[in-house]
Amino acid sequence: MAASSATADAAELKQQQLALLLAPPSAAAAAAYYARLTDEGTPGHGRVTVGRAAHGKGLFAARDFVQGDRVLVEPPLIGMQQEANR
């Protein structure tokens, strides 16, 4: 009985974690994210602006770019090495 209870608890925990990962960010978190991207201290400041599109909010180019220009730099969400390339 304890093994099935542990399995059910693990499945419930997995569902809770998945729901947290897939949940949209709060309004405050989204505002902080966009503020950081357009902050004057951010490399590339002035290259993007925050705006509304037909289907949500996004970043838009504030000027034309030339090939090789860095537009946006973000840290990776997750990093993982595959077993085959150790």
N, C-alpha and C. Protein backbone atom coordinates (compact mmCIF):
# COMPACT_ATOMS: atom_id res chain seq x y z
N MET A 1 0.82 -1.20 0.00
CA MET A 1 0.00 0.00 0.00
C MET A 1 0.86 1.26 0.00
N ALA A 2 1.99 1.22 0.71
CA ALA A 2 2.86 2.39 0.80
C ALA A 2 3.50 2.71 -0.55
N ALA A 3 3.82 1.66 -1.32
CA ALA A 3 4.45 1.87 -2.62
C ALA A 3 3.49 2.58 -3.58
N SER A 4 2.22 2.18 -3.57
CA SER A 4 1.26 2.83 -4.46
C SER A 4 0.99 4.27 -4.02
N SER A 5 1.03 4.52 -2.72
CA SER A 5 0.86 5.87 -2.21
C SER A 5 2.04 6.76 -2.62
N ALA A 6 3.25 6.20 -2.56
CA ALA A 6 4.44 6.95 -2.97
C ALA A 6 4.39 7.25 -4.47
N THR A 7 3.92 6.30 -5.25
CA THR A 7 3.80 6.49 -6.70
C THR A 7 2.77 7.58 -7.00
N ALA A 8 1.66 7.55 -6.29
CA ALA A 8 0.63 8.57 -6.48
C ALA A 8 1.14 9.94 -6.07
N ASP A 9 1.91 10.01 -4.97
CA ASP A 9 2.48 11.28 -4.52
C ASP A 9 3.48 11.82 -5.55
N ALA A 10 4.28 10.94 -6.12
CA ALA A 10 5.26 11.35 -7.13
C ALA A 10 4.55 11.85 -8.38
N ALA A 11 3.48 11.20 -8.78
CA ALA A 11 2.72 11.62 -9.95
C ALA A 11 2.06 12.98 -9.70
N GLU A 12 1.54 13.19 -8.50
CA GLU A 12 0.94 14.47 -8.14
C GLU A 12 1.97 15.59 -8.14
N LEU A 13 3.15 15.30 -7.60
CA LEU A 13 4.23 16.28 -7.59
C LEU A 13 4.65 16.64 -9.01
N LYS A 14 4.73 15.63 -9.86
CA LYS A 14 5.09 15.87 -11.26
C LYS A 14 4.05 16.76 -11.95
N GLN A 15 2.79 16.52 -11.69
CA GLN A 15 1.72 17.33 -12.28
C GLN A 15 1.78 18.77 -11.78
N GLN A 16 2.08 18.96 -10.49
CA GLN A 16 2.20 20.31 -9.93
C GLN A 16 3.39 21.06 -10.55
N GLN A 17 4.51 20.37 -10.69
CA GLN A 17 5.69 20.99 -11.29
C GLN A 17 5.43 21.36 -12.75
N LEU A 18 4.78 20.49 -13.48
CA LEU A 18 4.45 20.76 -14.87
C LEU A 18 3.52 21.96 -14.99
N ALA A 19 2.54 22.05 -14.11
CA ALA A 19 1.62 23.19 -14.12
C ALA A 19 2.36 24.49 -13.85
N LEU A 20 3.33 24.47 -12.93
CA LEU A 20 4.12 25.66 -12.65
C LEU A 20 4.97 26.07 -13.84
N LEU A 21 5.56 25.10 -14.53
CA LEU A 21 6.39 25.40 -15.69
C LEU A 21 5.59 25.97 -16.85
N LEU A 22 4.36 25.50 -17.02
CA LEU A 22 3.55 25.91 -18.16
C LEU A 22 2.67 27.13 -17.87
N ALA A 23 2.60 27.55 -16.61
CA ALA A 23 1.76 28.70 -16.25
C ALA A 23 2.35 29.97 -16.84
N PRO A 24 1.51 30.86 -17.33
CA PRO A 24 2.03 32.13 -17.84
C PRO A 24 2.61 32.95 -16.70
N PRO A 25 3.57 33.82 -17.00
CA PRO A 25 4.14 34.64 -15.92
C PRO A 25 3.11 35.63 -15.39
N SER A 26 3.30 36.04 -14.15
CA SER A 26 2.40 37.04 -13.56
C SER A 26 2.62 38.38 -14.29
N ALA A 27 1.69 39.27 -14.12
CA ALA A 27 1.80 40.59 -14.76
C ALA A 27 3.05 41.32 -14.25
N ALA A 28 3.35 41.18 -12.96
CA ALA A 28 4.53 41.84 -12.39
C ALA A 28 5.82 41.25 -12.96
N ALA A 29 5.86 39.92 -13.11
CA ALA A 29 7.05 39.27 -13.66
C ALA A 29 7.25 39.66 -15.12
N ALA A 30 6.18 39.73 -15.89
CA ALA A 30 6.29 40.14 -17.30
C ALA A 30 6.74 41.58 -17.40
N ALA A 31 6.21 42.46 -16.55
CA ALA A 31 6.61 43.87 -16.58
C ALA A 31 8.09 44.01 -16.23
N ALA A 32 8.56 43.25 -15.24
CA ALA A 32 9.98 43.31 -14.85
C ALA A 32 10.87 42.79 -15.99
N TYR A 33 10.43 41.74 -16.67
CA TYR A 33 11.19 41.18 -17.79
C TYR A 33 11.35 42.21 -18.91
N TYR A 34 10.26 42.83 -19.32
CA TYR A 34 10.33 43.81 -20.40
C TYR A 34 11.09 45.06 -19.97
N ALA A 35 10.97 45.44 -18.72
CA ALA A 35 11.72 46.60 -18.22
C ALA A 35 13.22 46.32 -18.26
N ARG A 36 13.61 45.10 -17.93
CA ARG A 36 15.03 44.73 -17.96
C ARG A 36 15.55 44.75 -19.39
N LEU A 37 14.76 44.31 -20.35
CA LEU A 37 15.19 44.28 -21.74
C LEU A 37 15.36 45.67 -22.34
N THR A 38 14.60 46.63 -21.86
CA THR A 38 14.67 47.97 -22.41
C THR A 38 15.41 48.95 -21.50
N ASP A 39 16.00 48.44 -20.40
CA ASP A 39 16.74 49.27 -19.46
C ASP A 39 17.98 49.86 -20.12
N GLU A 40 18.29 51.10 -19.80
CA GLU A 40 19.44 51.78 -20.40
C GLU A 40 20.75 51.07 -20.10
N GLY A 41 20.84 50.35 -18.99
CA GLY A 41 22.06 49.64 -18.65
C GLY A 41 22.23 48.33 -19.38
N THR A 42 21.21 47.91 -20.11
CA THR A 42 21.26 46.64 -20.83
C THR A 42 22.03 46.80 -22.14
N PRO A 43 22.98 45.88 -22.44
CA PRO A 43 23.66 45.96 -23.73
C PRO A 43 22.64 45.92 -24.87
N GLY A 44 22.81 46.79 -25.84
CA GLY A 44 21.88 46.84 -26.97
C GLY A 44 20.69 47.74 -26.72
N HIS A 45 20.74 48.51 -25.62
CA HIS A 45 19.62 49.41 -25.31
C HIS A 45 19.31 50.30 -26.51
N GLY A 46 18.04 50.52 -26.75
CA GLY A 46 17.62 51.35 -27.87
C GLY A 46 17.40 50.57 -29.15
N ARG A 47 17.72 49.29 -29.13
CA ARG A 47 17.55 48.48 -30.34
C ARG A 47 16.17 47.84 -30.41
N VAL A 48 15.55 47.66 -29.26
CA VAL A 48 14.21 47.08 -29.24
C VAL A 48 13.29 47.94 -28.38
N THR A 49 12.01 47.90 -28.71
CA THR A 49 10.99 48.57 -27.91
C THR A 49 9.91 47.56 -27.59
N VAL A 50 9.19 47.81 -26.53
CA VAL A 50 8.10 46.93 -26.13
C VAL A 50 6.81 47.49 -26.72
N GLY A 51 6.00 46.62 -27.28
CA GLY A 51 4.75 47.08 -27.87
C GLY A 51 3.71 45.99 -27.90
N ARG A 52 2.54 46.36 -28.32
CA ARG A 52 1.44 45.41 -28.45
C ARG A 52 1.25 45.05 -29.91
N ALA A 53 1.05 43.78 -30.16
CA ALA A 53 0.76 43.29 -31.51
C ALA A 53 -0.69 42.81 -31.53
N ALA A 54 -1.10 42.29 -32.64
CA ALA A 54 -2.47 41.80 -32.76
C ALA A 54 -2.77 40.69 -31.76
N HIS A 55 -1.75 39.92 -31.40
CA HIS A 55 -1.96 38.77 -30.50
C HIS A 55 -1.01 38.82 -29.33
N GLY A 56 -0.99 39.90 -28.56
CA GLY A 56 -0.18 39.94 -27.35
C GLY A 56 0.85 41.04 -27.35
N LYS A 57 1.85 40.85 -26.50
CA LYS A 57 2.89 41.85 -26.28
C LYS A 57 4.20 41.29 -26.79
N GLY A 58 5.07 42.14 -27.31
CA GLY A 58 6.33 41.62 -27.82
C GLY A 58 7.37 42.70 -27.95
N LEU A 59 8.52 42.31 -28.45
CA LEU A 59 9.62 43.22 -28.70
C LEU A 59 9.65 43.54 -30.18
N PHE A 60 9.90 44.80 -30.49
CA PHE A 60 9.95 45.24 -31.87
C PHE A 60 11.25 45.99 -32.10
N ALA A 61 11.80 45.87 -33.30
CA ALA A 61 13.04 46.56 -33.63
C ALA A 61 12.79 48.06 -33.62
N ALA A 62 13.68 48.79 -32.96
CA ALA A 62 13.57 50.24 -32.90
C ALA A 62 14.32 50.90 -34.05
N ARG A 63 15.14 50.12 -34.74
CA ARG A 63 15.89 50.64 -35.88
C ARG A 63 16.25 49.47 -36.79
N ASP A 64 16.78 49.75 -37.96
CA ASP A 64 17.22 48.69 -38.86
C ASP A 64 18.51 48.08 -38.34
N PHE A 65 18.69 46.82 -38.63
CA PHE A 65 19.89 46.10 -38.22
C PHE A 65 20.71 45.74 -39.43
N VAL A 66 21.98 45.58 -39.21
CA VAL A 66 22.86 45.05 -40.26
C VAL A 66 23.25 43.64 -39.86
N GLN A 67 23.66 42.85 -40.83
CA GLN A 67 24.02 41.47 -40.55
C GLN A 67 25.13 41.43 -39.51
N GLY A 68 24.94 40.60 -38.52
CA GLY A 68 25.94 40.44 -37.46
C GLY A 68 25.63 41.23 -36.21
N ASP A 69 24.65 42.15 -36.25
CA ASP A 69 24.27 42.90 -35.05
C ASP A 69 23.66 41.96 -34.03
N ARG A 70 24.04 42.14 -32.79
CA ARG A 70 23.42 41.38 -31.70
C ARG A 70 22.16 42.12 -31.30
N VAL A 71 21.03 41.43 -31.36
CA VAL A 71 19.75 42.05 -31.10
C VAL A 71 19.32 41.84 -29.66
N LEU A 72 19.45 40.63 -29.16
CA LEU A 72 18.95 40.29 -27.84
C LEU A 72 19.80 39.19 -27.26
N VAL A 73 20.16 39.31 -25.99
CA VAL A 73 20.94 38.29 -25.30
C VAL A 73 20.15 37.87 -24.06
N GLU A 74 19.88 36.61 -23.92
CA GLU A 74 19.20 36.08 -22.75
C GLU A 74 19.96 34.86 -22.26
N PRO A 75 19.99 34.65 -20.94
CA PRO A 75 20.62 33.43 -20.42
C PRO A 75 19.77 32.22 -20.80
N PRO A 76 20.41 31.07 -20.97
CA PRO A 76 19.63 29.86 -21.31
C PRO A 76 18.69 29.48 -20.18
N LEU A 77 17.54 28.94 -20.54
CA LEU A 77 16.58 28.48 -19.55
C LEU A 77 17.07 27.20 -18.90
N ILE A 78 17.68 26.34 -19.70
CA ILE A 78 18.18 25.06 -19.19
C ILE A 78 19.35 24.64 -20.06
N GLY A 79 20.29 23.98 -19.47
CA GLY A 79 21.42 23.44 -20.22
C GLY A 79 21.57 21.96 -19.90
N MET A 80 21.86 21.17 -20.91
CA MET A 80 21.95 19.74 -20.70
C MET A 80 22.90 19.13 -21.72
N GLN A 81 23.75 18.26 -21.26
CA GLN A 81 24.64 17.57 -22.17
C GLN A 81 24.08 16.19 -22.46
N GLN A 82 24.11 15.82 -23.73
CA GLN A 82 23.61 14.51 -24.11
C GLN A 82 24.63 13.44 -23.75
N GLU A 83 24.12 12.27 -23.44
CA GLU A 83 24.96 11.15 -23.06
C GLU A 83 25.99 10.84 -24.17
N ALA A 84 25.58 10.95 -25.43
CA ALA A 84 26.44 10.57 -26.55
C ALA A 84 27.60 11.55 -26.74
N ASN A 85 27.53 12.78 -26.21
CA ASN A 85 28.61 13.71 -26.48
C ASN A 85 29.39 14.09 -25.21
N ARG A 86 29.48 13.17 -24.27
CA ARG A 86 30.24 13.40 -23.04
C ARG A 86 31.69 13.53 -23.32
